[in-house]
Amino acid sequence: MIDKTYLAVYEDKDCKIPVNKMDFGRLVLGESYGYTWYMKNLSDKWIVQNITLNQSLNTDEVKISHPELLLPNEVAQIDLTFKPSLKRREPLYSKGLFESELWIG
């Protein structure tokens, strides 16, 4: 079992400021908001692939473009658009944003 996380999300392109919490603040329902983050494969030699979005964020209100595969030490941009619906009754919550597989060998 692997104890280390090889996939990380950052606020900046240089990957110096990790995203620990995504707080969208107070939003106006029906308005569209865009955010940009950066995803990095922290492994020096292994590929991270089959990167998928956490199911709790798989809604019509959230659109995310992200890579499905990252080579060792590769950085890629993540673009998120969030348009909270007028019908939303519960907060949007996710413990982890992405899931992936580490390919060794």
Protein backbone atom coordinates (compact mmCIF):
# COMPACT_ATOMS: atom_id res chain seq x y z
CA MET A 1 0.00 0.00 0.00
CA ILE A 2 1.25 3.48 -0.89
CA ASP A 3 1.11 6.05 1.91
CA LYS A 4 2.26 9.02 -0.14
CA THR A 5 0.03 11.30 -2.20
CA TYR A 6 1.41 11.89 -5.69
CA LEU A 7 -1.27 14.25 -6.98
CA ALA A 8 -1.58 17.78 -5.58
CA VAL A 9 -3.52 20.93 -6.47
CA TYR A 10 -2.02 24.41 -6.20
CA GLU A 11 -3.20 28.01 -6.49
CA ASP A 12 -0.18 29.09 -8.55
CA LYS A 13 1.53 27.84 -11.70
CA ASP A 14 4.86 27.42 -9.85
CA CYS A 15 3.15 25.02 -7.41
CA LYS A 16 4.27 26.87 -4.29
CA ILE A 17 0.84 27.53 -2.71
CA PRO A 18 -1.11 24.30 -2.09
CA VAL A 19 -4.89 24.36 -2.14
CA ASN A 20 -5.95 23.07 1.26
CA LYS A 21 -9.48 24.42 1.25
CA MET A 22 -11.71 25.71 -1.51
CA ASP A 23 -13.99 28.35 -0.10
CA PHE A 24 -16.11 29.95 -2.81
CA GLY A 25 -17.36 32.57 -0.36
CA ARG A 26 -20.74 34.24 -0.81
CA LEU A 27 -22.03 33.78 -4.32
CA VAL A 28 -25.06 35.10 -6.15
CA LEU A 29 -27.33 32.27 -7.25
CA GLY A 30 -27.53 32.01 -11.02
CA GLU A 31 -24.24 33.89 -11.58
CA SER A 32 -21.24 32.07 -13.08
CA TYR A 33 -17.81 32.09 -11.37
CA GLY A 34 -14.50 30.88 -12.81
CA TYR A 35 -11.45 29.60 -10.94
CA THR A 36 -8.03 28.40 -12.13
CA TRP A 37 -5.75 26.04 -10.23
CA TYR A 38 -2.81 23.81 -11.14
CA MET A 39 -2.40 20.07 -10.67
CA LYS A 40 1.03 18.46 -10.26
CA ASN A 41 2.29 14.89 -10.34
CA LEU A 42 4.70 14.84 -7.37
CA SER A 43 6.43 11.65 -8.48
CA ASP A 44 9.86 11.89 -10.11
CA LYS A 45 9.42 8.67 -12.07
CA TRP A 46 5.81 7.41 -12.11
CA ILE A 47 2.81 8.37 -14.22
CA VAL A 48 -0.45 9.39 -12.55
CA GLN A 49 -3.40 8.46 -14.73
CA ASN A 50 -7.15 7.89 -14.75
CA ILE A 51 -7.57 11.21 -12.94
CA THR A 52 -11.25 11.70 -12.22
CA LEU A 53 -13.34 14.27 -10.44
CA ASN A 54 -14.82 13.30 -7.08
CA GLN A 55 -18.44 12.19 -7.55
CA SER A 56 -19.80 14.79 -5.11
CA LEU A 57 -18.75 17.56 -7.52
CA ASN A 58 -20.26 15.85 -10.55
CA THR A 59 -23.23 18.22 -10.92
CA ASP A 60 -24.72 20.43 -13.62
CA GLU A 61 -23.55 23.44 -11.60
CA VAL A 62 -19.84 22.56 -11.72
CA LYS A 63 -17.78 22.25 -14.90
CA ILE A 64 -14.12 21.30 -14.54
CA SER A 65 -11.53 20.77 -17.24
CA HIS A 66 -8.55 18.78 -15.99
CA PRO A 67 -5.99 16.32 -17.35
CA GLU A 68 -6.64 12.58 -17.24
CA LEU A 69 -2.91 11.76 -17.10
CA LEU A 70 0.20 13.50 -15.76
CA LEU A 71 3.77 12.48 -16.52
CA PRO A 72 6.37 12.60 -13.72
CA ASN A 73 6.64 16.16 -12.30
CA GLU A 74 4.20 17.46 -14.92
CA VAL A 75 1.97 20.43 -14.09
CA ALA A 76 -1.39 21.05 -15.80
CA GLN A 77 -4.04 23.72 -15.49
CA ILE A 78 -7.46 23.07 -13.95
CA ASP A 79 -10.33 25.35 -14.94
CA LEU A 80 -13.46 25.28 -12.79
CA THR A 81 -16.71 27.09 -13.53
CA PHE A 82 -19.33 27.15 -10.80
CA LYS A 83 -22.84 28.43 -11.41
CA PRO A 84 -24.91 27.81 -8.26
CA SER A 85 -28.48 26.92 -9.13
CA LEU A 86 -31.51 28.75 -7.83
CA LYS A 87 -32.80 25.29 -6.84
CA ARG A 88 -29.80 24.42 -4.62
CA ARG A 89 -30.90 23.63 -1.06
CA GLU A 90 -27.74 22.03 0.36
CA PRO A 91 -24.13 23.21 0.56
CA LEU A 92 -21.67 21.87 -2.00
CA TYR A 93 -19.19 19.71 -0.08
CA SER A 94 -16.36 17.43 -1.14
CA LYS A 95 -13.58 16.01 0.99
CA GLY A 96 -11.29 15.33 -1.98
CA LEU A 97 -11.41 16.98 -5.38
CA PHE A 98 -9.71 14.32 -7.53
CA GLU A 99 -8.98 10.59 -7.51
CA SER A 100 -6.30 8.86 -9.59
CA GLU A 101 -4.09 5.80 -10.10
CA LEU A 102 -0.30 5.70 -9.80
CA TRP A 103 1.35 3.48 -12.41
CA ILE A 104 4.57 1.89 -11.20
CA GLY A 105 6.78 0.00 -13.60
